[in-house]
PDB file of N, CA and C in Angstrom:
ATOM      1  N   MET A   1     -23.459  78.366  39.310  1.00  0.00           N
ATOM      2  CA  MET A   1     -24.712  79.254  39.632  1.00  0.00           C
ATOM      3  C   MET A   1     -24.657  80.521  38.730  1.00  0.00           C
ATOM      4  N   SER A   2     -25.620  80.893  38.006  1.00  0.00           N
ATOM      5  CA  SER A   2     -25.724  82.041  37.351  1.00  0.00           C
ATOM      6  C   SER A   2     -25.766  83.265  38.331  1.00  0.00           C
ATOM      7  N   SER A   3     -25.391  84.516  37.742  1.00  0.00           N
ATOM      8  CA  SER A   3     -25.516  85.750  38.577  1.00  0.00           C
ATOM      9  C   SER A   3     -26.959  85.801  39.001  1.00  0.00           C
ATOM     10  N   CYS A   4     -27.972  85.744  38.194  1.00  0.00           N
ATOM     11  CA  CYS A   4     -29.345  85.817  38.700  1.00  0.00           C
ATOM     12  C   CYS A   4     -29.500  84.836  39.902  1.00  0.00           C
ATOM     13  N   GLU A   5     -29.158  83.747  39.681  1.00  0.00           N
ATOM     14  CA  GLU A   5     -29.367  82.798  40.899  1.00  0.00           C
ATOM     15  C   GLU A   5     -28.700  83.237  42.129  1.00  0.00           C
ATOM     16  N   LYS A   6     -27.440  83.741  41.762  1.00  0.00           N
ATOM     17  CA  LYS A   6     -26.611  84.148  43.004  1.00  0.00           C
ATOM     18  C   LYS A   6     -27.313  85.464  43.598  1.00  0.00           C
ATOM     19  N   CYS A   7     -27.836  86.045  42.774  1.00  0.00           N
ATOM     20  CA  CYS A   7     -28.734  87.480  43.358  1.00  0.00           C
ATOM     21  C   CYS A   7     -29.824  87.089  44.291  1.00  0.00           C
ATOM     22  N   TRP A   8     -30.584  86.052  43.780  1.00  0.00           N
ATOM     23  CA  TRP A   8     -31.523  85.489  44.802  1.00  0.00           C
ATOM     24  C   TRP A   8     -30.981  85.079  46.197  1.00  0.00           C
ATOM     25  N   VAL A   9     -29.933  84.231  45.938  1.00  0.00           N
ATOM     26  CA  VAL A   9     -29.369  83.592  47.417  1.00  0.00           C
ATOM     27  C   VAL A   9     -28.888  84.805  48.218  1.00  0.00           C
ATOM     28  N   GLU A  10     -28.237  85.955  47.518  1.00  0.00           N
ATOM     29  CA  GLU A  10     -27.653  86.935  48.299  1.00  0.00           C
ATOM     30  C   GLU A  10     -28.805  87.756  48.952  1.00  0.00           C
ATOM     31  N   ALA A  11     -29.914  87.908  48.151  1.00  0.00           N
ATOM     32  CA  ALA A  11     -31.084  88.579  48.647  1.00  0.00           C
ATOM     33  C   ALA A  11     -31.722  87.997  49.933  1.00  0.00           C
ATOM     34  N   GLY A  12     -31.215  86.646  50.251  1.00  0.00           N
ATOM     35  CA  GLY A  12     -31.638  85.957  51.482  1.00  0.00           C
ATOM     36  C   GLY A  12     -32.921  85.142  51.320  1.00  0.00           C
ATOM     37  N   ASN A  13     -33.288  85.014  49.784  1.00  0.00           N
ATOM     38  CA  ASN A  13     -34.299  84.157  49.276  1.00  0.00           C
ATOM     39  C   ASN A  13     -33.924  82.669  49.411  1.00  0.00           C
ATOM     40  N   ASN A  14     -32.601  82.343  49.431  1.00  0.00           N
ATOM     41  CA  ASN A  14     -32.043  80.979  49.414  1.00  0.00           C
ATOM     42  C   ASN A  14     -32.599  80.079  48.330  1.00  0.00           C
ATOM     43  N   MET A  15     -32.865  80.705  47.370  1.00  0.00           N
ATOM     44  CA  MET A  15     -33.379  79.948  46.123  1.00  0.00           C
ATOM     45  C   MET A  15     -32.042  79.804  45.088  1.00  0.00           C
ATOM     46  N   THR A  16     -32.137  78.615  44.696  1.00  0.00           N
ATOM     47  CA  THR A  16     -31.107  78.064  43.562  1.00  0.00           C
ATOM     48  C   THR A  16     -31.760  77.256  42.559  1.00  0.00           C
ATOM     49  N   GLY A  17     -31.119  77.101  41.520  1.00  0.00           N
ATOM     50  CA  GLY A  17     -31.466  76.026  40.511  1.00  0.00           C
ATOM     51  C   GLY A  17     -32.858  76.448  40.045  1.00  0.00           C
ATOM     52  N   ASP A  18     -33.756  75.274  39.954  1.00  0.00           N
ATOM     53  CA  ASP A  18     -35.082  75.467  39.402  1.00  0.00           C
ATOM     54  C   ASP A  18     -35.917  76.509  40.029  1.00  0.00           C
ATOM     55  N   LYS A  19     -35.828  76.524  41.457  1.00  0.00           N
ATOM     56  CA  LYS A  19     -36.633  77.548  42.163  1.00  0.00           C
ATOM     57  C   LYS A  19     -36.250  78.743  41.746  1.00  0.00           C
ATOM     58  N   ALA A  20     -35.002  79.194  41.663  1.00  0.00           N
ATOM     59  CA  ALA A  20     -34.594  80.543  41.413  1.00  0.00           C
ATOM     60  C   ALA A  20     -35.005  80.899  39.923  1.00  0.00           C
ATOM     61  N   ARG A  21     -34.838  79.865  38.993  1.00  0.00           N
ATOM     62  CA  ARG A  21     -35.340  80.190  37.641  1.00  0.00           C
ATOM     63  C   ARG A  21     -36.915  80.278  37.590  1.00  0.00           C
ATOM     64  N   GLU A  22     -37.673  79.757  38.178  1.00  0.00           N
ATOM     65  CA  GLU A  22     -39.133  79.839  38.393  1.00  0.00           C
ATOM     66  C   GLU A  22     -39.488  81.116  38.766  1.00  0.00           C
ATOM     67  N   TYR A  23     -38.902  81.533  39.950  1.00  0.00           N
ATOM     68  CA  TYR A  23     -39.221  82.752  40.588  1.00  0.00           C
ATOM     69  C   TYR A  23     -38.838  83.867  39.604  1.00  0.00           C
ATOM     70  N   GLN A  24     -37.702  83.792  39.087  1.00  0.00           N
ATOM     71  CA  GLN A  24     -37.350  84.821  37.997  1.00  0.00           C
ATOM     72  C   GLN A  24     -38.239  84.912  36.907  1.00  0.00           C
ATOM     73  N   ARG A  25     -38.816  83.718  36.445  1.00  0.00           N
ATOM     74  CA  ARG A  25     -39.848  83.593  35.283  1.00  0.00           C
ATOM     75  C   ARG A  25     -41.103  84.405  35.727  1.00  0.00           C
ATOM     76  N   LEU A  26     -41.479  84.334  37.000  1.00  0.00           N
ATOM     77  CA  LEU A  26     -42.688  84.698  37.400  1.00  0.00           C
ATOM     78  C   LEU A  26     -42.576  86.195  37.685  1.00  0.00           C
ATOM     79  N   ILE A  27     -41.497  86.731  38.200  1.00  0.00           N
ATOM     80  CA  ILE A  27     -41.494  88.258  38.344  1.00  0.00           C
ATOM     81  C   ILE A  27     -40.649  89.196  37.251  1.00  0.00           C
ATOM     82  N   LYS A  28     -40.402  88.531  36.284  1.00  0.00           N
ATOM     83  CA  LYS A  28     -39.695  89.226  35.126  1.00  0.00           C
ATOM     84  C   LYS A  28     -39.224  90.712  35.525  1.00  0.00           C
ATOM     85  N   ILE A  29     -38.138  91.095  35.849  1.00  0.00           N
ATOM     86  CA  ILE A  29     -37.516  92.338  36.045  1.00  0.00           C
ATOM     87  C   ILE A  29     -37.608  92.965  34.703  1.00  0.00           C
ATOM     88  N   ARG A  30     -38.352  94.209  34.842  1.00  0.00           N
ATOM     89  CA  ARG A  30     -38.523  95.070  33.648  1.00  0.00           C
ATOM     90  C   ARG A  30     -37.287  95.861  33.334  1.00  0.00           C
ATOM     91  N   ASP A  31     -36.934  96.505  34.478  1.00  0.00           N
ATOM     92  CA  ASP A  31     -35.651  97.694  34.338  1.00  0.00           C
ATOM     93  C   ASP A  31     -35.140  97.899  35.533  1.00  0.00           C
ATOM     94  N   CYS A  32     -33.998  98.583  35.722  1.00  0.00           N
ATOM     95  CA  CYS A  32     -33.144  98.710  36.878  1.00  0.00           C
ATOM     96  C   CYS A  32     -32.658 100.214  36.824  1.00  0.00           C
ATOM     97  N   THR A  33     -32.919 100.951  37.820  1.00  0.00           N
ATOM     98  CA  THR A  33     -32.601 102.419  37.696  1.00  0.00           C
ATOM     99  C   THR A  33     -31.945 102.556  39.273  1.00  0.00           C
ATOM    100  N   PRO A  34     -30.660 102.333  39.313  1.00  0.00           N
ATOM    101  CA  PRO A  34     -29.874 102.693  40.643  1.00  0.00           C
ATOM    102  C   PRO A  34     -29.624 104.156  40.753  1.00  0.00           C
ATOM    103  N   GLU A  35     -29.676 104.670  42.068  1.00  0.00           N
ATOM    104  CA  GLU A  35     -29.374 106.034  42.370  1.00  0.00           C
ATOM    105  C   GLU A  35     -28.972 105.949  43.836  1.00  0.00           C
ATOM    106  N   GLU A  36     -28.291 107.041  44.322  1.00  0.00           N
ATOM    107  CA  GLU A  36     -27.920 107.167  45.605  1.00  0.00           C
ATOM    108  C   GLU A  36     -29.078 107.708  46.438  1.00  0.00           C
ATOM    109  N   GLN A  37     -29.047 107.270  47.698  1.00  0.00           N
ATOM    110  CA  GLN A  37     -30.033 107.635  48.687  1.00  0.00           C
ATOM    111  C   GLN A  37     -30.059 109.122  48.768  1.00  0.00           C
ATOM    112  N   ALA A  38     -31.187 109.673  49.335  1.00  0.00           N
ATOM    113  CA  ALA A  38     -31.346 111.075  49.547  1.00  0.00           C
ATOM    114  C   ALA A  38     -31.652 111.338  50.882  1.00  0.00           C
ATOM    115  N   GLY A  39     -31.296 112.385  51.344  1.00  0.00           N
ATOM    116  CA  GLY A  39     -31.640 112.930  52.880  1.00  0.00           C
ATOM    117  C   GLY A  39     -30.298 113.103  53.689  1.00  0.00           C
ATOM    118  N   PRO A  40     -30.550 113.553  54.809  1.00  0.00           N
ATOM    119  CA  PRO A  40     -29.493 113.802  55.652  1.00  0.00           C
ATOM    120  C   PRO A  40     -28.622 112.598  56.115  1.00  0.00           C
ATOM    121  N   ASP A  41     -29.263 111.530  56.253  1.00  0.00           N
ATOM    122  CA  ASP A  41     -28.340 110.244  56.676  1.00  0.00           C
ATOM    123  C   ASP A  41     -28.088 109.480  55.524  1.00  0.00           C
ATOM    124  N   ALA A  42     -28.197 109.787  54.103  1.00  0.00           N
ATOM    125  CA  ALA A  42     -27.901 109.091  53.143  1.00  0.00           C
ATOM    126  C   ALA A  42     -26.557 108.637  52.936  1.00  0.00           C
ATOM    127  N   ARG A  43     -26.496 107.368  52.574  1.00  0.00           N
ATOM    128  CA  ARG A  43     -25.136 106.831  52.425  1.00  0.00           C
ATOM    129  C   ARG A  43     -24.661 106.916  50.974  1.00  0.00           C
ATOM    130  N   PRO A  44     -23.400 107.326  50.655  1.00  0.00           N
ATOM    131  CA  PRO A  44     -22.971 107.426  49.299  1.00  0.00           C
ATOM    132  C   PRO A  44     -22.912 106.071  48.675  1.00  0.00           C
ATOM    133  N   MET A  45     -23.352 106.263  47.233  1.00  0.00           N
ATOM    134  CA  MET A  45     -23.335 104.937  46.499  1.00  0.00           C
ATOM    135  C   MET A  45     -21.782 104.830  45.948  1.00  0.00           C
ATOM    136  N   LYS A  46     -21.414 103.569  46.209  1.00  0.00           N
ATOM    137  CA  LYS A  46     -20.048 103.186  45.658  1.00  0.00           C
ATOM    138  C   LYS A  46     -20.136 102.693  44.117  1.00  0.00           C
ATOM    139  N   PRO A  47     -19.091 103.201  43.220  1.00  0.00           N
ATOM    140  CA  PRO A  47     -19.293 102.984  41.957  1.00  0.00           C
ATOM    141  C   PRO A  47     -19.261 101.326  41.814  1.00  0.00           C
ATOM    142  N   GLU A  48     -18.589 100.599  42.585  1.00  0.00           N
ATOM    143  CA  GLU A  48     -18.409  99.182  42.501  1.00  0.00           C
ATOM    144  C   GLU A  48     -19.779  98.606  42.557  1.00  0.00           C
ATOM    145  N   TRP A  49     -20.573  99.026  43.418  1.00  0.00           N
ATOM    146  CA  TRP A  49     -22.083  98.486  43.550  1.00  0.00           C
ATOM    147  C   TRP A  49     -22.760  98.632  42.180  1.00  0.00           C
ATOM    148  N   ALA A  50     -22.781  99.975  41.770  1.00  0.00           N
ATOM    149  CA  ALA A  50     -23.389 100.148  40.346  1.00  0.00           C
ATOM    150  C   ALA A  50     -22.962  99.209  39.212  1.00  0.00           C
ATOM    151  N   ARG A  51     -21.391  99.119  39.205  1.00  0.00           N
ATOM    152  CA  ARG A  51     -21.029  98.238  38.219  1.00  0.00           C
ATOM    153  C   ARG A  51     -21.474  96.725  38.272  1.00  0.00           C
ATOM    154  N   SER A  52     -21.609  96.263  39.565  1.00  0.00           N
ATOM    155  CA  SER A  52     -22.069  94.935  39.864  1.00  0.00           C
ATOM    156  C   SER A  52     -23.548  94.963  39.258  1.00  0.00           C
ATOM    157  N   ILE A  53     -24.312  95.770  39.633  1.00  0.00           N
ATOM    158  CA  ILE A  53     -25.753  95.713  39.281  1.00  0.00           C
ATOM    159  C   ILE A  53     -25.823  95.931  37.626  1.00  0.00           C
ATOM    160  N   ARG A  54     -25.089  96.652  37.207  1.00  0.00           N
ATOM    161  CA  ARG A  54     -24.947  96.905  35.673  1.00  0.00           C
ATOM    162  C   ARG A  54     -24.409  95.508  34.939  1.00  0.00           C
ATOM    163  N   ASP A  55     -23.623  94.861  35.509  1.00  0.00           N
ATOM    164  CA  ASP A  55     -23.047  93.611  34.891  1.00  0.00           C
ATOM    165  C   ASP A  55     -24.232  92.543  34.954  1.00  0.00           C
ATOM    166  N   GLN A  56     -24.864  92.629  36.146  1.00  0.00           N
ATOM    167  CA  GLN A  56     -25.909  91.579  36.346  1.00  0.00           C
ATOM    168  C   GLN A  56     -27.144  91.802  35.441  1.00  0.00           C
ATOM    169  N   CYS A  57     -27.439  93.062  35.155  1.00  0.00           N
ATOM    170  CA  CYS A  57     -28.475  93.466  34.262  1.00  0.00           C
ATOM    171  C   CYS A  57     -28.231  93.003  32.895  1.00  0.00           C
ATOM    172  N   ALA A  58     -26.907  93.284  32.403  1.00  0.00           N
ATOM    173  CA  ALA A  58     -26.495  92.834  31.188  1.00  0.00           C
ATOM    174  C   ALA A  58     -26.566  91.439  30.873  1.00  0.00           C
ATOM    175  N   GLU A  59     -26.210  90.542  31.846  1.00  0.00           N
ATOM    176  CA  GLU A  59     -26.199  89.124  31.728  1.00  0.00           C
ATOM    177  C   GLU A  59     -27.664  88.630  31.644  1.00  0.00           C
ATOM    178  N   ALA A  60     -28.555  89.455  32.319  1.00  0.00           N
ATOM    179  CA  ALA A  60     -29.900  88.959  32.479  1.00  0.00           C
ATOM    180  C   ALA A  60     -30.807  89.550  31.318  1.00  0.00           C
ATOM    181  N   GLY A  61     -30.061  90.491  30.552  1.00  0.00           N
ATOM    182  CA  GLY A  61     -30.874  91.336  29.457  1.00  0.00           C
ATOM    183  C   GLY A  61     -31.866  92.258  30.116  1.00  0.00           C
ATOM    184  N   VAL A  62     -31.653  92.715  31.182  1.00  0.00           N
ATOM    185  CA  VAL A  62     -32.530  93.670  31.817  1.00  0.00           C
ATOM    186  C   VAL A  62     -31.950  95.264  31.444  1.00  0.00           C
ATOM    187  N   PRO A  63     -32.688  96.080  31.102  1.00  0.00           N
ATOM    188  CA  PRO A  63     -32.231  97.474  30.766  1.00  0.00           C
ATOM    189  C   PRO A  63     -31.743  98.161  32.027  1.00  0.00           C
ATOM    190  N   PHE A  64     -30.780  98.839  31.851  1.00  0.00           N
ATOM    191  CA  PHE A  64     -30.121  99.610  32.998  1.00  0.00           C
ATOM    192  C   PHE A  64     -30.009 101.089  32.808  1.00  0.00           C
ATOM    193  N   PHE A  65     -30.369 101.809  33.580  1.00  0.00           N
ATOM    194  CA  PHE A  65     -30.448 103.258  33.578  1.00  0.00           C
ATOM    195  C   PHE A  65     -29.936 103.836  34.733  1.00  0.00           C
ATOM    196  N   MET A  66     -28.528 104.333  34.841  1.00  0.00           N
ATOM    197  CA  MET A  66     -28.024 105.040  35.868  1.00  0.00           C
ATOM    198  C   MET A  66     -28.480 106.355  36.110  1.00  0.00           C
ATOM    199  N   LYS A  67     -29.188 106.598  37.257  1.00  0.00           N
ATOM    200  CA  LYS A  67     -29.884 107.860  37.445  1.00  0.00           C
ATOM    201  C   LYS A  67     -28.856 108.887  37.849  1.00  0.00           C
ATOM    202  N   GLN A  68     -28.192 108.551  39.101  1.00  0.00           N
ATOM    203  CA  GLN A  68     -27.323 109.538  39.808  1.00  0.00           C
ATOM    204  C   GLN A  68     -26.435 108.960  40.732  1.00  0.00           C
ATOM    205  N   MET A  69     -25.070 109.308  40.883  1.00  0.00           N
ATOM    206  CA  MET A  69     -24.266 108.795  41.884  1.00  0.00           C
ATOM    207  C   MET A  69     -24.497 109.731  43.220  1.00  0.00           C
ATOM    208  N   SER A  70     -24.161 110.893  43.130  1.00  0.00           N
ATOM    209  CA  SER A  70     -24.465 111.864  44.292  1.00  0.00           C
ATOM    210  C   SER A  70     -24.436 113.203  43.833  1.00  0.00           C
ATOM    211  N   LYS A  71     -24.700 114.249  44.576  1.00  0.00           N
ATOM    212  CA  LYS A  71     -24.663 115.455  44.294  1.00  0.00           C
ATOM    213  C   LYS A  71     -23.101 115.916  44.185  1.00  0.00           C
ATOM    214  N   LYS A  72     -22.455 115.249  44.770  1.00  0.00           N
ATOM    215  CA  LYS A  72     -20.985 115.747  44.809  1.00  0.00           C
ATOM    216  C   LYS A  72     -20.203 114.950  43.780  1.00  0.00           C
ATOM    217  N   ALA A  73     -20.508 113.885  43.297  1.00  0.00           N
ATOM    218  CA  ALA A  73     -19.847 113.022  42.350  1.00  0.00           C
ATOM    219  C   ALA A  73     -20.649 112.681  41.022  1.00  0.00           C
ATOM    220  N   SER A  74     -19.981 112.936  39.953  1.00  0.00           N
ATOM    221  CA  SER A  74     -20.731 112.696  38.627  1.00  0.00           C
ATOM    222  C   SER A  74     -20.603 111.111  38.429  1.00  0.00           C
ATOM    223  N   ILE A  75     -21.528 110.775  37.321  1.00  0.00           N
ATOM    224  CA  ILE A  75     -21.460 109.405  36.939  1.00  0.00           C
ATOM    225  C   ILE A  75     -20.348 109.117  36.276  1.00  0.00           C
ATOM    226  N   PRO A  76     -19.525 108.002  36.694  1.00  0.00           N
ATOM    227  CA  PRO A  76     -18.279 107.624  35.780  1.00  0.00           C
ATOM    228  C   PRO A  76     -18.724 107.246  34.273  1.00  0.00           C
ATOM    229  N   ASP A  77     -17.793 107.496  33.430  1.00  0.00           N
ATOM    230  CA  ASP A  77     -18.209 107.269  31.919  1.00  0.00           C
ATOM    231  C   ASP A  77     -18.666 105.916  31.775  1.00  0.00           C
ATOM    232  N   ASP A  78     -18.241 104.893  32.471  1.00  0.00           N
ATOM    233  CA  ASP A  78     -18.453 103.443  32.197  1.00  0.00           C
ATOM    234  C   ASP A  78     -19.796 103.216  32.759  1.00  0.00           C
ATOM    235  N   LEU A  79     -20.354 104.040  33.509  1.00  0.00           N
ATOM    236  CA  LEU A  79     -21.745 103.888  34.106  1.00  0.00           C
ATOM    237  C   LEU A  79     -22.793 104.690  33.537  1.00  0.00           C
ATOM    238  N   MET A  80     -22.296 105.743  32.689  1.00  0.00           N
ATOM    239  CA  MET A  80     -23.298 106.668  31.891  1.00  0.00           C
ATOM    240  C   MET A  80     -24.030 105.868  30.986  1.00  0.00           C
ATOM    241  N   ILE A  81     -25.010 104.997  31.381  1.00  0.00           N
ATOM    242  CA  ILE A  81     -25.794 104.111  30.522  1.00  0.00           C
ATOM    243  C   ILE A  81     -27.351 104.640  30.781  1.00  0.00           C
ATOM    244  N   ARG A  82     -27.981 104.779  29.628  1.00  0.00           N
ATOM    245  CA  ARG A  82     -29.326 105.175  29.648  1.00  0.00           C
ATOM    246  C   ARG A  82     -30.187 104.109  28.888  1.00  0.00           C
ATOM    247  N   GLU A  83     -30.550 103.102  29.292  1.00  0.00           N
ATOM    248  CA  GLU A  83     -31.326 102.037  28.791  1.00  0.00           C
ATOM    249  C   GLU A  83     -32.645 102.099  29.069  1.00  0.00           C
ATOM    250  N   TYR A  84     -33.769 101.847  28.127  1.00  0.00           N
ATOM    251  CA  TYR A  84     -35.079 101.906  28.540  1.00  0.00           C
ATOM    252  C   TYR A  84     -35.758 100.600  28.328  1.00  0.00           C
ATOM    253  N   PRO A  85     -36.739 100.170  29.108  1.00  0.00           N
ATOM    254  CA  PRO A  85     -37.496  98.973  28.979  1.00  0.00           C
ATOM    255  C   PRO A  85     -38.142  99.081  27.646  1.00  0.00           C
ATOM    256  N   GLU A  86     -38.522  97.818  26.949  1.00  0.00           N
ATOM    257  CA  GLU A  86     -39.309  97.778  25.856  1.00  0.00           C
ATOM    258  C   GLU A  86     -40.777  98.075  26.076  1.00  0.00           C
ATOM    259  N   VAL A  87     -41.380  98.963  25.337  1.00  0.00           N
ATOM    260  CA  VAL A  87     -42.832  99.272  25.542  1.00  0.00           C
ATOM    261  C   VAL A  87     -43.515  98.261  24.573  1.00  0.00           C
ATOM    262  N   LYS A  88     -44.513  97.616  25.140  1.00  0.00           N
ATOM    263  CA  LYS A  88     -45.298  96.580  24.222  1.00  0.00           C
ATOM    264  C   LYS A  88     -46.647  97.203  24.227  1.00  0.00           C
ATOM    265  N   GLN A  89     -47.246  97.307  22.877  1.00  0.00           N
ATOM    266  CA  GLN A  89     -48.470  97.878  22.712  1.00  0.00           C
ATOM    267  C   GLN A  89     -49.616  96.841  22.891  1.00  0.00           C
TER     268      GLN A  89
END
């Protein structure tokens, strides 16, 4: 199972194989910009989560732009990635 197929299963969509590939083809993810939640009840973002998302984006060819970790923690060097989606005219 590819990481994209695994992603759909983990999201609760229970799609694998041809169904997952067809769904992915239809919704083509343009880019991914993870950041920590904001507000008084915000949960901190764990670097492992961002690394997992980064790796899945790399495998799927989706641009990854790490926006922020938290106001108290800087972005780790391996996550300081600023990729932009391709703009089609």
